[in-house]
Amino acid sequence: MKTIGISTFLLRIALASGFLSAVASRLGLWGKKSSGWHNFLDYTAEVNSFIPKAFIPAIAVISTFLEISLGILLLIGFKIRYAAYSAALLTLLFAFSMTYSFGIKEPLDYSVFAFSAGAFVLASMPHYQWSVDQLLSK
């Protein structure tokens, strides 16, 4: 049981870090290693090639807001099950969009399906050690 608690904690932190690092990059917080907002808008348009260009800025802002929110919720361990299911669905949508626009290789290379599966696994855990959820359940 102790191994499951550590594994769940590490998975939660890894997923949160993935979301927050991506957002930090598009907002320029990684310095010269950052992708930047304009590059993110271009990539959002490429990934969502089936959506009219007028919707791309809104999709970029909404996805950034969701990634920040989910990243913080997972990091602190609050409403983990809901955040994990939301993260799983968001990344699965991202994987399907990438597959449609680029083919299957791109989402496999970026481990988007693995990220989504990890979030589904996290959502299925019976309890969450070292989290706000654990503190609130006492």
Protein backbone atom coordinates (compact mmCIF):
# COMPACT_ATOMS: atom_id res chain seq x y z
CA MET A 1 0.00 0.00 0.00
CA LYS A 2 2.90 2.35 0.71
CA THR A 3 4.24 1.86 -2.83
CA ILE A 4 0.86 2.81 -4.30
CA GLY A 5 0.83 6.02 -2.22
CA ILE A 6 4.29 7.03 -3.44
CA SER A 7 3.47 6.08 -7.03
CA THR A 8 0.22 8.04 -6.94
CA PHE A 9 2.01 11.07 -5.48
CA LEU A 10 4.77 10.93 -8.12
CA LEU A 11 2.25 10.49 -10.95
CA ARG A 12 0.27 13.48 -9.67
CA ILE A 13 3.39 15.65 -9.49
CA ALA A 14 4.59 14.49 -12.94
CA LEU A 15 1.24 15.35 -14.56
CA ALA A 16 1.09 18.72 -12.80
CA SER A 17 4.66 19.48 -13.86
CA GLY A 18 3.88 18.60 -17.47
CA PHE A 19 0.99 21.04 -17.59
CA LEU A 20 2.75 23.83 -15.73
CA SER A 21 6.00 23.51 -17.68
CA ALA A 22 4.15 23.77 -21.00
CA VAL A 23 2.35 26.90 -19.81
CA ALA A 24 5.59 28.38 -18.47
CA SER A 25 7.16 27.87 -21.89
CA ARG A 26 4.40 29.58 -23.82
CA LEU A 27 4.42 32.49 -21.33
CA GLY A 28 8.18 32.92 -21.68
CA LEU A 29 9.03 31.84 -18.13
CA TRP A 30 11.73 29.40 -19.28
CA GLY A 31 13.80 32.22 -20.74
CA LYS A 32 15.53 31.40 -24.03
CA LYS A 33 14.18 27.83 -23.82
CA SER A 34 10.59 29.15 -24.01
CA SER A 35 8.43 28.62 -27.06
CA GLY A 36 6.53 31.88 -26.57
CA TRP A 37 2.89 32.78 -27.05
CA HIS A 38 3.07 33.43 -30.82
CA ASN A 39 4.67 30.05 -31.49
CA PHE A 40 2.02 28.46 -29.28
CA LEU A 41 -0.73 30.15 -31.32
CA ASP A 42 0.85 28.82 -34.53
CA TYR A 43 1.11 25.31 -33.06
CA THR A 44 -2.48 25.48 -31.79
CA ALA A 45 -3.59 26.32 -35.34
CA GLU A 46 -1.59 23.40 -36.74
CA VAL A 47 -2.92 20.90 -34.19
CA ASN A 48 -6.48 22.12 -34.70
CA SER A 49 -6.25 22.31 -38.49
CA PHE A 50 -9.93 21.36 -38.76
CA ILE A 51 -11.10 24.45 -36.81
CA PRO A 52 -11.53 27.91 -38.37
CA LYS A 53 -8.57 30.20 -37.70
CA ALA A 54 -10.80 32.75 -35.96
CA PHE A 55 -11.28 30.31 -33.06
CA ILE A 56 -7.57 29.61 -32.49
CA PRO A 57 -6.86 32.46 -30.02
CA ALA A 58 -9.85 31.41 -27.89
CA ILE A 59 -8.74 27.77 -27.96
CA ALA A 60 -5.22 28.81 -26.94
CA VAL A 61 -6.47 30.90 -24.02
CA ILE A 62 -8.96 28.25 -22.85
CA SER A 63 -6.41 25.44 -23.05
CA THR A 64 -3.85 27.57 -21.18
CA PHE A 65 -6.39 28.36 -18.46
CA LEU A 66 -7.31 24.66 -18.15
CA GLU A 67 -3.66 23.58 -18.03
CA ILE A 68 -2.85 26.14 -15.32
CA SER A 69 -5.94 25.17 -13.29
CA LEU A 70 -5.41 21.43 -13.62
CA GLY A 71 -1.69 21.75 -12.97
CA ILE A 72 -2.27 23.66 -9.73
CA LEU A 73 -5.06 21.34 -8.56
CA LEU A 74 -2.87 18.30 -9.18
CA LEU A 75 0.19 19.91 -7.63
CA ILE A 76 -1.53 20.74 -4.34
CA GLY A 77 -3.71 17.65 -4.43
CA PHE A 78 -7.13 19.27 -4.34
CA LYS A 79 -10.10 17.59 -6.05
CA ILE A 80 -7.61 15.14 -7.54
CA ARG A 81 -10.15 12.73 -9.02
CA TYR A 82 -11.96 15.52 -10.90
CA ALA A 83 -8.71 17.16 -11.98
CA ALA A 84 -7.28 13.83 -13.15
CA TYR A 85 -10.38 12.95 -15.19
CA SER A 86 -10.36 16.44 -16.70
CA ALA A 87 -6.65 16.16 -17.48
CA ALA A 88 -7.20 12.76 -19.07
CA LEU A 89 -9.98 14.06 -21.30
CA LEU A 90 -8.13 17.26 -22.22
CA THR A 91 -4.99 15.38 -23.24
CA LEU A 92 -7.01 12.71 -25.05
CA LEU A 93 -8.68 15.46 -27.10
CA PHE A 94 -5.25 16.91 -27.75
CA ALA A 95 -3.97 13.47 -28.85
CA PHE A 96 -6.91 12.96 -31.21
CA SER A 97 -6.45 16.46 -32.67
CA MET A 98 -2.74 15.79 -33.19
CA THR A 99 -3.53 12.44 -34.83
CA TYR A 100 -6.03 14.05 -37.19
CA SER A 101 -3.71 16.91 -38.12
CA PHE A 102 -0.30 15.17 -38.20
CA GLY A 103 -0.87 11.43 -38.12
CA ILE A 104 -0.31 8.97 -35.29
CA LYS A 105 3.47 9.44 -34.99
CA GLU A 106 3.33 12.94 -33.46
CA PRO A 107 1.15 12.15 -30.41
CA LEU A 108 3.14 8.96 -29.86
CA ASP A 109 6.46 10.83 -30.03
CA TYR A 110 5.21 13.38 -27.49
CA SER A 111 3.68 10.68 -25.25
CA VAL A 112 0.29 12.39 -25.26
CA PHE A 113 -1.60 9.09 -25.08
CA ALA A 114 0.64 8.01 -22.18
CA PHE A 115 -0.03 11.32 -20.39
CA SER A 116 -3.77 10.80 -20.85
CA ALA A 117 -3.59 7.18 -19.68
CA GLY A 118 -1.59 8.23 -16.63
CA ALA A 119 -4.27 10.77 -15.74
CA PHE A 120 -6.97 8.09 -16.10
CA VAL A 121 -4.94 5.82 -13.78
CA LEU A 122 -4.57 8.63 -11.25
CA ALA A 123 -8.32 9.25 -11.33
CA SER A 124 -8.96 5.59 -10.51
CA MET A 125 -6.87 5.51 -7.33
CA PRO A 126 -8.81 4.85 -4.10
CA HIS A 127 -7.03 7.51 -2.02
CA TYR A 128 -4.39 10.20 -2.36
CA GLN A 129 -1.60 10.54 0.17
CA TRP A 130 0.22 13.82 0.72
CA SER A 131 -2.60 15.94 -0.64
CA VAL A 132 -5.12 18.56 0.41
CA ASP A 133 -7.79 15.93 -0.33
CA GLN A 134 -6.24 13.66 2.33
CA LEU A 135 -6.15 16.49 4.87
CA LEU A 136 -9.78 17.39 4.21
CA SER A 137 -10.96 13.77 4.53
CA LYS A 138 -9.75 13.52 8.15
